[in-house]
């Protein structure tokens, strides 16, 4: 097991996008910081000269005004010059009352693989209604099958604290997967069950994609032996630990 402190090389942080066919689709699922992580990654890739498209297969908050937003029925039908900007966002519609935009089906996003003018497509592929933890319902998440990387986000602030329907989205699903009862304290073995369960954090992730577990708002877990076991058992490929809204956002990266 290798542990890297602070932000590693931006290519190694995810995957070497220069070595992969473009565009590289990266989907974010889970709870506790997906949107913040998506925008941080967008900035990281743009700073390295890549052209980035942001969208969603569910709903998400409207991007910062500095990011150009286009509304359309099918992003694959947009003219080629649309994809020349360093950073773009594309959605099917938006609700002014909620401040959220609606995205596209995973199948429509899969069609963007033919758009060679893009380098990276970042997808918010899950919803959590502001909760720090969740387990997916039957219809969730909505991951494009062309995703080369799936990042499962969990909020680390509940580690060691009692959990239940007041602080976990889809509590019934979460309890069934982790074996916890309302009021039990969240521990790393329970989180491992969420990560490794076929109906858990990485439910619907395409075969062969890179799975990254991002434990947001926590510097590190003391029980590194469990993390090592998870990597050796191929539960995930990489584990990030950090706080995406702080500097640096990733304080520890654990790989096999």
C-alpha atoms as a PDB file:
ATOM      1  CA  UNK A   1       0.000   0.000   0.000  1.00  0.00           C
ATOM      2  CA  UNK A   2       1.324   3.446  -0.966  1.00  0.00           C
ATOM      3  CA  UNK A   3       0.277   6.602   0.880  1.00  0.00           C
ATOM      4  CA  UNK A   4       0.882   9.965  -0.773  1.00  0.00           C
ATOM      5  CA  UNK A   5       0.520  13.128   1.296  1.00  0.00           C
ATOM      6  CA  UNK A   6      -0.962  16.324  -0.164  1.00  0.00           C
ATOM      7  CA  UNK A   7      -1.975  16.768  -3.785  1.00  0.00           C
ATOM      8  CA  UNK A   8      -0.164  14.313  -6.046  1.00  0.00           C
ATOM      9  CA  UNK A   9       0.469  14.899  -9.712  1.00  0.00           C
ATOM     10  CA  UNK A  10      -2.848  15.943 -11.275  1.00  0.00           C
ATOM     11  CA  UNK A  11      -2.690  13.127 -13.853  1.00  0.00           C
ATOM     12  CA  UNK A  12      -1.926  10.458 -11.262  1.00  0.00           C
ATOM     13  CA  UNK A  13      -4.679  11.825  -9.034  1.00  0.00           C
ATOM     14  CA  UNK A  14      -7.248  10.239 -11.339  1.00  0.00           C
ATOM     15  CA  UNK A  15      -5.874   8.598 -14.415  1.00  0.00           C
ATOM     16  CA  UNK A  16      -3.514   9.762 -17.111  1.00  0.00           C
ATOM     17  CA  UNK A  17      -6.008  11.375 -19.473  1.00  0.00           C
ATOM     18  CA  UNK A  18      -3.273  11.788 -22.073  1.00  0.00           C
ATOM     19  CA  UNK A  19      -3.048   7.988 -22.331  1.00  0.00           C
ATOM     20  CA  UNK A  20      -6.795   7.439 -22.753  1.00  0.00           C
ATOM     21  CA  UNK A  21      -9.064   7.955 -25.719  1.00  0.00           C
ATOM     22  CA  UNK A  22     -10.805  11.309 -25.484  1.00  0.00           C
ATOM     23  CA  UNK A  23     -13.084  12.346 -24.006  1.00  0.00           C
ATOM     24  CA  UNK A  24     -12.635  10.766 -20.566  1.00  0.00           C
ATOM     25  CA  UNK A  25     -15.957  10.555 -18.718  1.00  0.00           C
ATOM     26  CA  UNK A  26     -15.733  10.819 -14.933  1.00  0.00           C
ATOM     27  CA  UNK A  27     -18.913  10.285 -12.883  1.00  0.00           C
ATOM     28  CA  UNK A  28     -19.407  11.353  -9.273  1.00  0.00           C
ATOM     29  CA  UNK A  29     -21.816   9.521  -6.950  1.00  0.00           C
ATOM     30  CA  UNK A  30     -22.600   9.413  -3.243  1.00  0.00           C
ATOM     31  CA  UNK A  31     -23.067  12.324  -0.845  1.00  0.00           C
ATOM     32  CA  UNK A  32     -21.184  14.879   1.190  1.00  0.00           C
ATOM     33  CA  UNK A  33     -19.434  17.006  -1.422  1.00  0.00           C
ATOM     34  CA  UNK A  34     -20.066  15.772  -4.985  1.00  0.00           C
ATOM     35  CA  UNK A  35     -20.721  19.201  -6.486  1.00  0.00           C
ATOM     36  CA  UNK A  36     -17.751  20.836  -4.776  1.00  0.00           C
ATOM     37  CA  UNK A  37     -15.547  17.965  -5.896  1.00  0.00           C
ATOM     38  CA  UNK A  38     -16.824  18.255  -9.465  1.00  0.00           C
ATOM     39  CA  UNK A  39     -15.999  21.978  -9.687  1.00  0.00           C
ATOM     40  CA  UNK A  40     -12.598  21.475  -8.060  1.00  0.00           C
ATOM     41  CA  UNK A  41     -11.770  18.780 -10.627  1.00  0.00           C
ATOM     42  CA  UNK A  42     -13.011  21.007 -13.436  1.00  0.00           C
ATOM     43  CA  UNK A  43     -10.596  23.737 -12.358  1.00  0.00           C
ATOM     44  CA  UNK A  44      -7.773  21.228 -11.988  1.00  0.00           C
ATOM     45  CA  UNK A  45      -8.220  19.902 -15.505  1.00  0.00           C
ATOM     46  CA  UNK A  46      -8.700  23.363 -17.029  1.00  0.00           C
ATOM     47  CA  UNK A  47      -5.490  24.562 -15.382  1.00  0.00           C
ATOM     48  CA  UNK A  48      -3.667  21.726 -17.135  1.00  0.00           C
ATOM     49  CA  UNK A  49      -4.995  22.792 -20.545  1.00  0.00           C
ATOM     50  CA  UNK A  50      -7.851  20.313 -20.951  1.00  0.00           C
ATOM     51  CA  UNK A  51     -11.263  21.203 -22.327  1.00  0.00           C
ATOM     52  CA  UNK A  52     -13.886  20.272 -19.776  1.00  0.00           C
ATOM     53  CA  UNK A  53     -17.639  19.797 -20.032  1.00  0.00           C
ATOM     54  CA  UNK A  54     -19.781  19.730 -16.868  1.00  0.00           C
ATOM     55  CA  UNK A  55     -23.240  18.157 -16.806  1.00  0.00           C
ATOM     56  CA  UNK A  56     -25.451  15.829 -14.785  1.00  0.00           C
ATOM     57  CA  UNK A  57     -27.715  12.819 -15.191  1.00  0.00           C
ATOM     58  CA  UNK A  58     -29.919  14.052 -12.325  1.00  0.00           C
ATOM     59  CA  UNK A  59     -30.120  17.626 -10.993  1.00  0.00           C
ATOM     60  CA  UNK A  60     -27.457  19.914  -9.592  1.00  0.00           C
ATOM     61  CA  UNK A  61     -26.996  23.524  -8.571  1.00  0.00           C
ATOM     62  CA  UNK A  62     -26.326  26.030 -11.320  1.00  0.00           C
ATOM     63  CA  UNK A  63     -22.589  26.482 -11.908  1.00  0.00           C
ATOM     64  CA  UNK A  64     -20.745  29.661 -11.045  1.00  0.00           C
ATOM     65  CA  UNK A  65     -21.552  32.533 -13.470  1.00  0.00           C
ATOM     66  CA  UNK A  66     -17.960  32.350 -14.734  1.00  0.00           C
ATOM     67  CA  UNK A  67     -18.791  28.998 -16.329  1.00  0.00           C
ATOM     68  CA  UNK A  68     -20.702  29.335 -19.633  1.00  0.00           C
ATOM     69  CA  UNK A  69     -23.990  27.392 -19.504  1.00  0.00           C
ATOM     70  CA  UNK A  70     -25.899  26.059 -22.510  1.00  0.00           C
ATOM     71  CA  UNK A  71     -29.401  24.546 -22.400  1.00  0.00           C
ATOM     72  CA  UNK A  72     -30.270  22.046 -25.120  1.00  0.00           C
ATOM     73  CA  UNK A  73     -32.088  18.783 -25.801  1.00  0.00           C
ATOM     74  CA  UNK A  74     -29.071  16.753 -26.894  1.00  0.00           C
ATOM     75  CA  UNK A  75     -25.469  17.884 -26.279  1.00  0.00           C
ATOM     76  CA  UNK A  76     -24.202  15.503 -28.954  1.00  0.00           C
ATOM     77  CA  UNK A  77     -25.996  17.662 -31.551  1.00  0.00           C
ATOM     78  CA  UNK A  78     -24.221  20.884 -30.605  1.00  0.00           C
ATOM     79  CA  UNK A  79     -21.885  22.394 -33.224  1.00  0.00           C
ATOM     80  CA  UNK A  80     -18.201  21.571 -32.969  1.00  0.00           C
ATOM     81  CA  UNK A  81     -17.183  25.142 -32.097  1.00  0.00           C
ATOM     82  CA  UNK A  82     -19.174  24.858 -28.845  1.00  0.00           C
ATOM     83  CA  UNK A  83     -16.542  22.471 -27.533  1.00  0.00           C
ATOM     84  CA  UNK A  84     -13.578  24.795 -28.062  1.00  0.00           C
ATOM     85  CA  UNK A  85     -13.928  26.667 -24.748  1.00  0.00           C
ATOM     86  CA  UNK A  86     -11.742  25.509 -21.830  1.00  0.00           C
ATOM     87  CA  UNK A  87     -14.777  25.108 -19.539  1.00  0.00           C
ATOM     88  CA  UNK A  88     -18.393  24.523 -20.526  1.00  0.00           C
ATOM     89  CA  UNK A  89     -21.587  23.360 -18.842  1.00  0.00           C
ATOM     90  CA  UNK A  90     -24.583  21.898 -20.628  1.00  0.00           C
ATOM     91  CA  UNK A  91     -28.008  20.956 -19.266  1.00  0.00           C
ATOM     92  CA  UNK A  92     -31.512  20.218 -20.530  1.00  0.00           C
ATOM     93  CA  UNK A  93     -33.276  22.838 -18.392  1.00  0.00           C
ATOM     94  CA  UNK A  94     -33.357  24.558 -15.043  1.00  0.00           C
ATOM     95  CA  UNK A  95     -35.687  25.509 -12.215  1.00  0.00           C
ATOM     96  CA  UNK A  96     -35.253  29.113 -11.093  1.00  0.00           C
ATOM     97  CA  UNK A  97     -37.220  28.429  -7.914  1.00  0.00           C
ATOM     98  CA  UNK A  98     -34.870  25.636  -6.843  1.00  0.00           C
ATOM     99  CA  UNK A  99     -31.735  27.056  -8.419  1.00  0.00           C
ATOM    100  CA  UNK A 100     -31.030  23.667  -9.960  1.00  0.00           C
ATOM    101  CA  UNK A 101     -30.409  22.513 -13.499  1.00  0.00           C
ATOM    102  CA  UNK A 102     -31.640  19.278 -15.046  1.00  0.00           C
ATOM    103  CA  UNK A 103     -29.332  17.029 -16.966  1.00  0.00           C
ATOM    104  CA  UNK A 104     -29.474  14.271 -19.558  1.00  0.00           C
ATOM    105  CA  UNK A 105     -29.975  10.538 -19.577  1.00  0.00           C
ATOM    106  CA  UNK A 106     -26.838   8.397 -19.293  1.00  0.00           C
ATOM    107  CA  UNK A 107     -27.502   7.184 -22.837  1.00  0.00           C
ATOM    108  CA  UNK A 108     -27.380  10.730 -24.242  1.00  0.00           C
ATOM    109  CA  UNK A 109     -24.105  11.385 -22.450  1.00  0.00           C
ATOM    110  CA  UNK A 110     -22.651   8.141 -23.795  1.00  0.00           C
ATOM    111  CA  UNK A 111     -23.143   9.590 -27.272  1.00  0.00           C
ATOM    112  CA  UNK A 112     -20.691  12.373 -26.415  1.00  0.00           C
ATOM    113  CA  UNK A 113     -17.883   9.831 -26.666  1.00  0.00           C
ATOM    114  CA  UNK A 114     -17.956  10.604 -30.395  1.00  0.00           C
ATOM    115  CA  UNK A 115     -17.147  14.266 -29.650  1.00  0.00           C
ATOM    116  CA  UNK A 116     -13.377  14.234 -30.040  1.00  0.00           C
ATOM    117  CA  UNK A 117     -13.016  17.972 -29.336  1.00  0.00           C
ATOM    118  CA  UNK A 118     -13.552  17.345 -25.611  1.00  0.00           C
ATOM    119  CA  UNK A 119     -10.929  16.076 -23.181  1.00  0.00           C
ATOM    120  CA  UNK A 120     -12.890  15.486 -19.970  1.00  0.00           C
ATOM    121  CA  UNK A 121     -16.607  15.202 -19.198  1.00  0.00           C
ATOM    122  CA  UNK A 122     -17.512  15.531 -15.516  1.00  0.00           C
ATOM    123  CA  UNK A 123     -20.888  14.080 -14.541  1.00  0.00           C
ATOM    124  CA  UNK A 124     -22.813  14.515 -11.305  1.00  0.00           C
ATOM    125  CA  UNK A 125     -24.594  11.165 -11.445  1.00  0.00           C
ATOM    126  CA  UNK A 126     -26.358  11.007  -8.081  1.00  0.00           C
ATOM    127  CA  UNK A 127     -28.421  13.121  -5.707  1.00  0.00           C
ATOM    128  CA  UNK A 128     -28.320  13.330  -1.912  1.00  0.00           C
ATOM    129  CA  UNK A 129     -30.470  16.343  -0.930  1.00  0.00           C
ATOM    130  CA  UNK A 130     -27.641  17.875   1.065  1.00  0.00           C
ATOM    131  CA  UNK A 131     -26.968  14.853   3.286  1.00  0.00           C
ATOM    132  CA  UNK A 132     -23.416  13.775   4.083  1.00  0.00           C
ATOM    133  CA  UNK A 133     -24.116  10.063   3.509  1.00  0.00           C
ATOM    134  CA  UNK A 134     -26.488   7.986   1.439  1.00  0.00           C
ATOM    135  CA  UNK A 135     -27.146   4.613  -0.101  1.00  0.00           C
ATOM    136  CA  UNK A 136     -28.708   4.493  -3.554  1.00  0.00           C
ATOM    137  CA  UNK A 137     -32.365   3.675  -4.136  1.00  0.00           C
ATOM    138  CA  UNK A 138     -33.513   1.306  -6.875  1.00  0.00           C
ATOM    139  CA  UNK A 139     -33.360   4.006  -9.567  1.00  0.00           C
ATOM    140  CA  UNK A 140     -29.989   5.414  -8.452  1.00  0.00           C
ATOM    141  CA  UNK A 141     -27.316   6.312  -9.374  1.00  0.00           C
ATOM    142  CA  UNK A 142     -27.483   7.264 -13.065  1.00  0.00           C
ATOM    143  CA  UNK A 143     -23.987   6.474 -14.342  1.00  0.00           C
ATOM    144  CA  UNK A 144     -23.121   6.628 -18.054  1.00  0.00           C
ATOM    145  CA  UNK A 145     -21.716   3.254 -19.044  1.00  0.00           C
ATOM    146  CA  UNK A 146     -18.889   4.948 -20.930  1.00  0.00           C
ATOM    147  CA  UNK A 147     -17.499   6.331 -17.639  1.00  0.00           C
ATOM    148  CA  UNK A 148     -13.794   5.539 -17.292  1.00  0.00           C
ATOM    149  CA  UNK A 149     -13.720   6.611 -13.648  1.00  0.00           C
ATOM    150  CA  UNK A 150     -16.367   6.697 -10.893  1.00  0.00           C
ATOM    151  CA  UNK A 151     -15.694   8.746  -7.768  1.00  0.00           C
ATOM    152  CA  UNK A 152     -17.768   7.708  -4.754  1.00  0.00           C
ATOM    153  CA  UNK A 153     -17.984  10.596  -2.272  1.00  0.00           C
ATOM    154  CA  UNK A 154     -18.838  10.157   1.409  1.00  0.00           C
ATOM    155  CA  UNK A 155     -18.865  12.839   4.090  1.00  0.00           C
ATOM    156  CA  UNK A 156     -16.347  11.983   6.784  1.00  0.00           C
ATOM    157  CA  UNK A 157     -17.821  14.293   9.402  1.00  0.00           C
ATOM    158  CA  UNK A 158     -20.146  11.573  10.709  1.00  0.00           C
ATOM    159  CA  UNK A 159     -17.333   9.136  11.499  1.00  0.00           C
ATOM    160  CA  UNK A 160     -17.716   7.947  15.090  1.00  0.00           C
ATOM    161  CA  UNK A 161     -21.084   9.681  15.479  1.00  0.00           C
ATOM    162  CA  UNK A 162     -24.630   8.271  15.740  1.00  0.00           C
ATOM    163  CA  UNK A 163     -26.381   7.925  12.393  1.00  0.00           C
ATOM    164  CA  UNK A 164     -29.997   7.521  11.402  1.00  0.00           C
ATOM    165  CA  UNK A 165     -32.699   8.912   9.119  1.00  0.00           C
ATOM    166  CA  UNK A 166     -31.997  12.473  10.279  1.00  0.00           C
ATOM    167  CA  UNK A 167     -28.475  12.558   8.851  1.00  0.00           C
ATOM    168  CA  UNK A 168     -28.346   9.775   6.209  1.00  0.00           C
ATOM    169  CA  UNK A 169     -30.249   9.945   2.907  1.00  0.00           C
ATOM    170  CA  UNK A 170     -32.132   6.758   1.968  1.00  0.00           C
ATOM    171  CA  UNK A 171     -31.674   5.501   5.519  1.00  0.00           C
ATOM    172  CA  UNK A 172     -33.555   2.234   4.993  1.00  0.00           C
ATOM    173  CA  UNK A 173     -31.213   1.266   2.158  1.00  0.00           C
ATOM    174  CA  UNK A 174     -28.161   2.443   4.109  1.00  0.00           C
ATOM    175  CA  UNK A 175     -29.156   0.436   7.193  1.00  0.00           C
ATOM    176  CA  UNK A 176     -29.813  -2.708   5.175  1.00  0.00           C
ATOM    177  CA  UNK A 177     -26.386  -2.510   3.524  1.00  0.00           C
ATOM    178  CA  UNK A 178     -24.290  -1.522   6.553  1.00  0.00           C
ATOM    179  CA  UNK A 179     -26.152  -3.459   9.244  1.00  0.00           C
ATOM    180  CA  UNK A 180     -26.414  -0.353  11.426  1.00  0.00           C
ATOM    181  CA  UNK A 181     -29.454   0.546  13.486  1.00  0.00           C
ATOM    182  CA  UNK A 182     -30.592   4.115  14.081  1.00  0.00           C
ATOM    183  CA  UNK A 183     -28.423   5.580  16.821  1.00  0.00           C
ATOM    184  CA  UNK A 184     -25.425   3.315  16.154  1.00  0.00           C
ATOM    185  CA  UNK A 185     -22.104   5.059  15.709  1.00  0.00           C
ATOM    186  CA  UNK A 186     -20.654   5.058  12.229  1.00  0.00           C
ATOM    187  CA  UNK A 187     -17.391   3.140  11.981  1.00  0.00           C
ATOM    188  CA  UNK A 188     -15.006   2.138   9.207  1.00  0.00           C
ATOM    189  CA  UNK A 189     -16.238  -1.490   8.916  1.00  0.00           C
ATOM    190  CA  UNK A 190     -19.756  -0.170   8.238  1.00  0.00           C
ATOM    191  CA  UNK A 191     -18.371   2.205   5.604  1.00  0.00           C
ATOM    192  CA  UNK A 192     -16.495  -0.655   4.015  1.00  0.00           C
ATOM    193  CA  UNK A 193     -19.756  -2.565   3.675  1.00  0.00           C
ATOM    194  CA  UNK A 194     -21.287   0.466   1.950  1.00  0.00           C
ATOM    195  CA  UNK A 195     -18.349   0.705  -0.440  1.00  0.00           C
ATOM    196  CA  UNK A 196     -18.082  -2.984  -1.340  1.00  0.00           C
ATOM    197  CA  UNK A 197     -21.782  -3.911  -1.480  1.00  0.00           C
ATOM    198  CA  UNK A 198     -23.153  -4.374  -5.036  1.00  0.00           C
ATOM    199  CA  UNK A 199     -26.100  -2.123  -4.098  1.00  0.00           C
ATOM    200  CA  UNK A 200     -23.855   0.345  -2.259  1.00  0.00           C
ATOM    201  CA  UNK A 201     -21.713   3.328  -3.117  1.00  0.00           C
ATOM    202  CA  UNK A 202     -20.475   2.063  -6.495  1.00  0.00           C
ATOM    203  CA  UNK A 203     -23.745   0.483  -7.608  1.00  0.00           C
ATOM    204  CA  UNK A 204     -23.969   0.558 -11.403  1.00  0.00           C
ATOM    205  CA  UNK A 205     -20.316   1.442 -11.981  1.00  0.00           C
ATOM    206  CA  UNK A 206     -19.269   0.111 -15.407  1.00  0.00           C
ATOM    207  CA  UNK A 207     -17.050  -2.989 -15.390  1.00  0.00           C
ATOM    208  CA  UNK A 208     -13.386  -2.087 -15.588  1.00  0.00           C
ATOM    209  CA  UNK A 209     -13.777   1.574 -14.657  1.00  0.00           C
ATOM    210  CA  UNK A 210     -11.509   3.076 -12.022  1.00  0.00           C
ATOM    211  CA  UNK A 211     -13.264   3.366  -8.646  1.00  0.00           C
ATOM    212  CA  UNK A 212     -12.092   6.107  -6.308  1.00  0.00           C
ATOM    213  CA  UNK A 213     -13.479   6.441  -2.797  1.00  0.00           C
ATOM    214  CA  UNK A 214     -13.219  10.054  -1.630  1.00  0.00           C
ATOM    215  CA  UNK A 215     -13.689  10.452   2.139  1.00  0.00           C
ATOM    216  CA  UNK A 216     -14.430  14.170   2.286  1.00  0.00           C
ATOM    217  CA  UNK A 217     -13.898  16.339   5.369  1.00  0.00           C
ATOM    218  CA  UNK A 218     -11.539  13.950   7.106  1.00  0.00           C
ATOM    219  CA  UNK A 219      -7.742  14.014   7.091  1.00  0.00           C
ATOM    220  CA  UNK A 220      -7.323  10.271   7.594  1.00  0.00           C
ATOM    221  CA  UNK A 221      -8.698   7.210   9.323  1.00  0.00           C
ATOM    222  CA  UNK A 222      -6.494   5.791  12.024  1.00  0.00           C
ATOM    223  CA  UNK A 223      -7.243   2.211  10.967  1.00  0.00           C
ATOM    224  CA  UNK A 224      -5.091   2.151   7.853  1.00  0.00           C
ATOM    225  CA  UNK A 225      -5.049  -1.666   7.993  1.00  0.00           C
ATOM    226  CA  UNK A 226      -8.715  -1.766   6.940  1.00  0.00           C
ATOM    227  CA  UNK A 227      -8.001   0.586   4.052  1.00  0.00           C
ATOM    228  CA  UNK A 228      -5.166  -1.691   2.968  1.00  0.00           C
ATOM    229  CA  UNK A 229      -7.502  -4.680   3.091  1.00  0.00           C
ATOM    230  CA  UNK A 230     -10.025  -2.832   0.938  1.00  0.00           C
ATOM    231  CA  UNK A 231      -7.431  -2.135  -1.723  1.00  0.00           C
ATOM    232  CA  UNK A 232      -6.058  -5.676  -1.658  1.00  0.00           C
ATOM    233  CA  UNK A 233      -9.590  -7.097  -1.932  1.00  0.00           C
ATOM    234  CA  UNK A 234     -10.232  -4.825  -4.934  1.00  0.00           C
ATOM    235  CA  UNK A 235     -13.128  -3.077  -3.168  1.00  0.00           C
ATOM    236  CA  UNK A 236     -11.775   0.139  -4.716  1.00  0.00           C
ATOM    237  CA  UNK A 237      -8.728   1.181  -6.727  1.00  0.00           C
ATOM    238  CA  UNK A 238      -7.793   4.389  -4.887  1.00  0.00           C
ATOM    239  CA  UNK A 239      -8.800   6.084  -1.637  1.00  0.00           C
ATOM    240  CA  UNK A 240      -8.638   9.861  -1.208  1.00  0.00           C
ATOM    241  CA  UNK A 241      -8.879  11.592   2.136  1.00  0.00           C
ATOM    242  CA  UNK A 242      -9.166  15.340   2.592  1.00  0.00           C
ATOM    243  CA  UNK A 243     -11.571  18.266   2.475  1.00  0.00           C
ATOM    244  CA  UNK A 244     -12.410  19.504  -0.998  1.00  0.00           C
ATOM    245  CA  UNK A 245     -13.145  23.078   0.103  1.00  0.00           C
ATOM    246  CA  UNK A 246      -9.814  23.460   1.887  1.00  0.00           C
ATOM    247  CA  UNK A 247      -6.246  23.821   0.629  1.00  0.00           C
ATOM    248  CA  UNK A 248      -4.931  21.325  -0.240  1.00  0.00           C
ATOM    249  CA  UNK A 249      -8.175  19.452  -0.942  1.00  0.00           C
ATOM    250  CA  UNK A 250      -6.549  16.019  -0.912  1.00  0.00           C
ATOM    251  CA  UNK A 251      -4.282  15.398   2.063  1.00  0.00           C
ATOM    252  CA  UNK A 252      -3.811  11.671   1.646  1.00  0.00           C
ATOM    253  CA  UNK A 253      -4.014   9.298  -1.327  1.00  0.00           C
ATOM    254  CA  UNK A 254      -3.889   5.558  -0.699  1.00  0.00           C
ATOM    255  CA  UNK A 255      -3.247   3.040  -3.508  1.00  0.00           C
ATOM    256  CA  UNK A 256      -2.124  -0.553  -3.800  1.00  0.00           C
END
